[in-house]
Protein backbone atom coordinates (compact mmCIF):
# COMPACT_ATOMS: atom_id res chain seq x y z
CA MET A 1 39.28 -193.48 51.97
CA ASN A 2 40.87 -190.06 51.13
CA ILE A 3 44.09 -190.22 53.68
CA PHE A 4 43.29 -186.70 54.58
CA ILE A 5 40.02 -187.05 55.34
CA ARG A 6 40.84 -190.22 57.25
CA GLU A 7 43.05 -188.22 59.67
CA MET A 8 41.01 -185.46 60.26
CA ARG A 9 38.49 -187.91 61.46
CA ASP A 10 41.11 -189.72 63.33
CA HIS A 11 42.28 -186.81 65.18
CA ARG A 12 39.05 -185.05 65.84
CA LYS A 13 38.39 -186.42 69.00
CA GLY A 14 41.68 -185.29 70.66
CA PHE A 15 41.28 -181.98 69.29
CA VAL A 16 37.65 -181.42 70.65
CA ILE A 17 39.15 -182.45 74.01
CA TRP A 18 42.33 -180.02 73.66
CA SER A 19 39.49 -177.21 72.58
CA VAL A 20 37.69 -177.62 75.81
CA VAL A 21 40.75 -177.67 77.85
CA ILE A 22 42.19 -174.13 75.79
CA LEU A 23 38.70 -172.62 76.53
CA LEU A 24 38.44 -173.47 80.36
CA PHE A 25 42.31 -172.20 80.82
CA ILE A 26 41.28 -168.82 79.32
CA LEU A 27 38.07 -168.80 81.53
CA MET A 28 39.89 -169.17 84.78
CA ALA A 29 42.71 -166.97 83.49
CA PHE A 30 39.86 -164.14 82.75
CA VAL A 31 38.01 -164.88 85.74
CA GLU A 32 41.08 -164.01 87.82
CA PHE A 33 41.86 -161.17 85.80
CA ASP A 34 38.72 -159.27 87.54
CA ALA A 35 40.84 -159.05 90.43
CA TYR A 36 43.58 -157.24 88.55
CA TYR A 37 41.78 -154.93 86.06
CA ASP A 38 42.45 -151.39 87.19
CA ASN A 39 43.43 -152.49 90.70
CA PRO A 40 46.19 -150.56 91.36
CA GLU A 41 46.86 -152.43 95.04
CA MET A 42 47.34 -155.57 93.01
CA ALA A 43 50.08 -153.93 91.06
CA GLU A 44 51.95 -152.80 94.63
CA ILE A 45 51.45 -156.54 96.19
CA LEU A 46 53.19 -157.97 93.22
CA ASP A 47 55.93 -155.48 93.76
CA THR A 48 56.93 -157.00 97.07
CA ILE A 49 57.12 -160.52 95.28
CA PRO A 50 61.39 -161.37 94.31
CA ARG A 51 62.30 -160.38 90.96
CA GLY A 52 63.47 -164.03 90.06
CA MET A 53 60.12 -165.53 91.01
CA LEU A 54 58.44 -163.13 88.85
CA GLU A 55 61.17 -163.85 85.93
CA ALA A 56 60.35 -167.42 86.14
CA PHE A 57 56.69 -167.08 85.78
CA GLY A 58 57.00 -164.58 82.98
CA MET A 59 55.38 -161.72 85.42
CA TYR A 60 58.33 -159.45 85.77
CA GLY A 61 57.93 -156.13 84.36
CA ALA A 62 53.94 -156.67 83.31
CA ASN A 63 51.32 -154.31 84.48
CA LEU A 64 48.78 -157.02 85.19
CA THR A 65 46.05 -154.52 85.86
CA THR A 66 45.88 -153.69 81.76
CA ILE A 67 44.51 -155.91 79.17
CA ASN A 68 47.97 -156.34 77.42
CA GLY A 69 50.00 -156.34 80.79
CA TYR A 70 48.00 -159.54 81.56
CA MET A 71 47.98 -160.87 78.29
CA SER A 72 51.56 -161.25 78.32
CA ILE A 73 51.40 -163.60 81.42
CA VAL A 74 48.59 -165.54 79.71
CA ALA A 75 50.66 -165.96 76.57
CA LEU A 76 53.38 -167.89 78.49
CA TYR A 77 50.72 -170.69 79.52
CA LEU A 78 48.84 -170.70 76.22
CA TYR A 79 52.63 -171.04 74.40
CA ILE A 80 53.37 -174.10 76.46
CA MET A 81 49.74 -175.64 76.30
CA LEU A 82 49.68 -175.06 72.54
CA GLY A 83 53.45 -176.41 72.16
CA ILE A 84 52.73 -179.72 74.24
CA PHE A 85 49.37 -180.01 71.71
CA SER A 86 51.49 -179.67 68.73
CA VAL A 87 54.42 -181.89 69.46
CA LEU A 88 52.27 -184.78 70.75
CA LEU A 89 49.91 -184.32 67.34
CA GLY A 90 53.21 -184.45 65.10
CA ASN A 91 54.19 -187.45 66.85
CA ASN A 92 50.67 -189.21 66.83
CA ILE A 93 50.05 -188.48 63.24
CA ILE A 94 53.04 -190.40 62.26
CA GLY A 95 53.24 -193.02 64.91
CA LYS A 96 49.45 -194.01 64.93
CA GLU A 97 49.56 -196.80 62.45
CA GLU A 98 51.90 -198.53 64.84
CA ARG A 99 50.32 -197.67 68.03
CA ASP A 100 46.76 -198.94 66.40
CA LYS A 101 47.85 -202.08 64.94
CA THR A 102 47.05 -200.25 61.15
CA GLY A 103 50.06 -200.25 59.62
CA GLU A 104 49.31 -203.00 57.15
CA PHE A 105 46.18 -201.04 55.88
CA LEU A 106 48.54 -198.12 55.09
CA MET A 107 51.08 -200.37 53.40
CA SER A 108 48.15 -202.04 51.01
CA MET A 109 46.96 -198.87 49.76
CA PRO A 110 47.90 -197.50 46.11
CA ILE A 111 49.98 -194.42 47.24
CA LYS A 112 53.37 -193.32 47.61
CA ARG A 113 54.64 -192.88 51.27
CA TYR A 114 55.51 -189.53 50.62
CA ARG A 115 51.72 -188.85 49.75
CA VAL A 116 50.61 -189.92 52.66
CA LEU A 117 53.44 -187.96 54.88
CA ILE A 118 52.00 -184.63 52.58
CA SER A 119 48.67 -185.43 53.80
CA LYS A 120 49.57 -186.22 57.41
CA VAL A 121 51.59 -182.79 57.61
CA ALA A 122 48.66 -180.83 56.19
CA VAL A 123 45.99 -182.12 58.53
CA ALA A 124 48.59 -181.61 61.38
CA VAL A 125 48.77 -177.93 60.35
CA ILE A 126 45.19 -177.58 60.05
CA ASN A 127 44.52 -178.63 63.58
CA CYS A 128 47.35 -176.51 64.82
CA LEU A 129 45.54 -173.36 62.94
CA LEU A 130 41.98 -174.57 64.12
CA LEU A 131 43.30 -174.80 68.06
CA ASN A 132 44.89 -171.67 67.41
CA ALA A 133 41.56 -170.09 66.29
CA VAL A 134 39.74 -171.61 68.90
CA ALA A 135 42.03 -169.85 71.68
CA GLY A 136 41.63 -166.53 69.77
CA VAL A 137 38.03 -166.97 69.89
CA GLY A 138 38.01 -167.89 73.47
CA ILE A 139 39.99 -164.85 74.24
CA ALA A 140 37.91 -162.30 72.30
CA ILE A 141 35.00 -163.40 74.29
CA ALA A 142 36.96 -163.11 77.59
CA VAL A 143 38.34 -159.46 76.97
CA SER A 144 34.90 -158.24 75.29
CA ARG A 145 33.72 -157.12 78.53
CA TYR A 146 36.84 -155.16 79.34
CA ASN A 147 35.99 -152.97 76.27
CA PRO A 148 39.41 -153.48 74.23
CA ASP A 149 40.87 -151.03 72.00
CA ARG A 150 42.88 -151.34 68.92
CA ASP A 151 46.09 -151.62 70.49
CA ASN A 152 44.59 -154.69 72.76
CA VAL A 153 43.31 -156.40 69.61
CA ARG A 154 46.66 -155.80 67.83
CA TYR A 155 48.64 -157.32 70.72
CA ILE A 156 46.16 -160.18 70.96
CA LEU A 157 46.65 -161.22 67.10
CA GLN A 158 50.28 -160.71 67.78
CA ILE A 159 50.32 -163.40 70.32
CA LEU A 160 48.33 -165.65 68.32
CA VAL A 161 50.66 -165.44 65.35
CA ALA A 162 53.44 -166.09 67.80
CA ALA A 163 51.57 -169.14 69.19
CA PHE A 164 51.15 -170.38 65.92
CA LEU A 165 54.88 -169.91 65.24
CA ILE A 166 56.05 -172.04 68.24
CA GLN A 167 53.21 -174.67 67.33
CA MET A 168 54.89 -175.05 64.18
CA ILE A 169 58.18 -175.38 65.58
CA PHE A 170 57.28 -177.95 68.16
CA LEU A 171 55.26 -179.63 65.64
CA SER A 172 57.98 -180.33 63.25
CA LEU A 173 60.31 -181.73 66.01
CA GLY A 174 57.35 -183.93 67.05
CA LEU A 175 57.36 -185.17 63.23
CA PHE A 176 60.67 -185.86 63.32
CA ILE A 177 61.06 -187.19 66.52
CA ALA A 178 58.34 -189.98 65.55
CA ALA A 179 59.91 -190.30 62.33
CA SER A 180 63.11 -191.14 63.65
CA ALA A 181 62.20 -193.00 66.77
CA LYS A 182 61.88 -197.22 66.74
CA VAL A 183 59.55 -197.38 69.34
CA PHE A 184 56.58 -195.20 69.25
CA LYS A 185 55.89 -195.11 73.17
CA LYS A 186 59.36 -193.72 73.55
CA SER A 187 58.98 -190.94 70.77
CA SER A 188 55.71 -189.70 72.66
CA ALA A 189 57.88 -189.32 76.11
CA ILE A 190 60.48 -187.81 74.37
CA SER A 191 58.38 -185.14 72.64
CA VAL A 192 56.73 -184.15 76.05
CA ALA A 193 59.78 -184.00 77.33
CA LEU A 194 61.35 -181.56 74.94
CA VAL A 195 58.43 -179.17 75.54
CA ILE A 196 59.40 -179.27 79.59
CA VAL A 197 63.10 -179.20 78.97
CA MET A 198 62.90 -176.14 76.73
CA TYR A 199 60.27 -174.05 79.13
CA MET A 200 62.81 -174.78 81.93
CA ILE A 201 65.86 -173.60 79.66
CA SER A 202 63.88 -170.43 79.07
CA VAL A 203 63.32 -170.09 82.80
CA ILE A 204 67.25 -170.60 83.66
CA GLN A 205 67.91 -167.84 81.08
CA SER A 206 65.51 -165.30 82.38
CA LEU A 207 67.27 -165.79 85.84
CA SER A 208 70.97 -165.14 84.65
CA ASP A 209 72.14 -162.67 82.05
CA SER A 210 75.37 -165.01 82.24
CA VAL A 211 73.73 -167.64 80.12
CA GLU A 212 71.81 -165.38 77.52
CA PHE A 213 72.93 -167.47 74.61
CA LEU A 214 70.17 -170.28 75.74
CA LYS A 215 67.87 -167.94 74.63
CA TYR A 216 68.69 -169.09 70.96
CA PHE A 217 67.39 -172.87 72.10
CA THR A 218 64.34 -172.63 73.39
CA PRO A 219 61.33 -171.51 71.38
CA PHE A 220 59.56 -169.69 74.58
CA LYS A 221 62.16 -167.07 74.15
CA TYR A 222 61.69 -166.13 70.46
CA TYR A 223 58.39 -164.80 71.14
CA GLN A 224 58.16 -163.27 74.46
CA ALA A 225 55.21 -161.77 75.12
CA SER A 226 56.89 -158.89 76.67
CA GLU A 227 59.32 -158.36 74.08
CA ILE A 228 56.63 -158.32 71.34
CA LEU A 229 54.37 -155.82 73.44
CA GLN A 230 57.80 -153.40 73.50
CA ASN A 231 58.56 -153.73 70.13
CA ASP A 232 55.32 -154.19 68.57
CA GLY A 233 56.55 -157.04 66.29
CA PHE A 234 58.75 -159.84 66.22
CA GLU A 235 62.77 -159.69 65.69
CA GLY A 236 63.68 -161.09 62.44
CA ILE A 237 66.38 -163.17 63.69
CA TYR A 238 63.76 -165.44 65.76
CA LEU A 239 61.62 -165.78 62.51
CA GLY A 240 64.53 -166.89 60.72
CA LEU A 241 65.01 -169.65 63.67
CA THR A 242 61.95 -170.21 63.61
CA SER A 243 62.02 -171.03 59.55
CA THR A 244 64.98 -172.89 59.89
CA ILE A 245 64.22 -175.35 62.12
CA VAL A 246 60.66 -175.91 60.48
CA PHE A 247 62.59 -176.55 57.36
CA ILE A 248 65.34 -178.78 58.95
CA ALA A 249 62.92 -181.03 60.79
CA LEU A 250 60.19 -181.26 58.00
CA PHE A 251 63.53 -182.25 55.41
CA GLY A 252 64.51 -184.89 57.67
CA VAL A 253 61.08 -186.09 58.14
CA PHE A 254 60.50 -186.34 54.49
CA ILE A 255 63.76 -188.39 54.34
CA VAL A 256 63.38 -190.79 57.10
CA TYR A 257 59.74 -191.52 56.75
CA PRO A 258 59.91 -193.19 53.47
CA ARG A 259 62.39 -195.22 54.50
CA ARG A 260 61.07 -195.96 57.77
CA ASP A 261 59.90 -199.85 58.61
CA LEU A 262 56.42 -200.16 59.77
CA LYS A 263 55.64 -202.86 62.97
CA LEU A 264 52.78 -204.42 61.75
């Protein structure tokens, strides 16, 4: 069987589950938005909350009574969820032969391992792109009732592009961790911990200007929704960092994986 088709089939259940989770999150988020939309009293209530708490949850400076302002809050949680999906996908797609004890089947196929890896990476990227599209469709449906204008649509598309770039970072890191780890179960735990640690770093950086340098160590700071809204785009330095991280991680995967001993 074609490796690409086999991998797409093997990951369809997980994709469907994550799609449902993402859509439920979007539904709940915009049910809550009904209480904020065009309601200045809610904005006044937020003004009474300490700045540190607002920054920790990505709410500082956001006007939650508007579509763009509210989306800047939703974006953070969307980043986290898509990041976890991507890092776990990268981890599972490399290590599932050991998990499912199907390494012998893979080794018996008359195909070089680097070609197997290319198919796995392609499937992972497509799954990330499709889940991103599912999120986009969900947001479009949820927002349609509020009569979004061109600026709203443009901002939502920018958020989705930013989310995909974050997905690529975590996907490549998940692939590298799985290819390098000797024990599959440990690599899964490390991958999830990586997302959590990077989120915590972003929170710590938001609370203190003295550790501003930390923003270069977490993808959640590369594409802050509030900064995208303010600048109407992405900063070149973060696009460069994203490209560098993805390239180095994937280069490492293609070096390590072909030499890796599969536990049959």
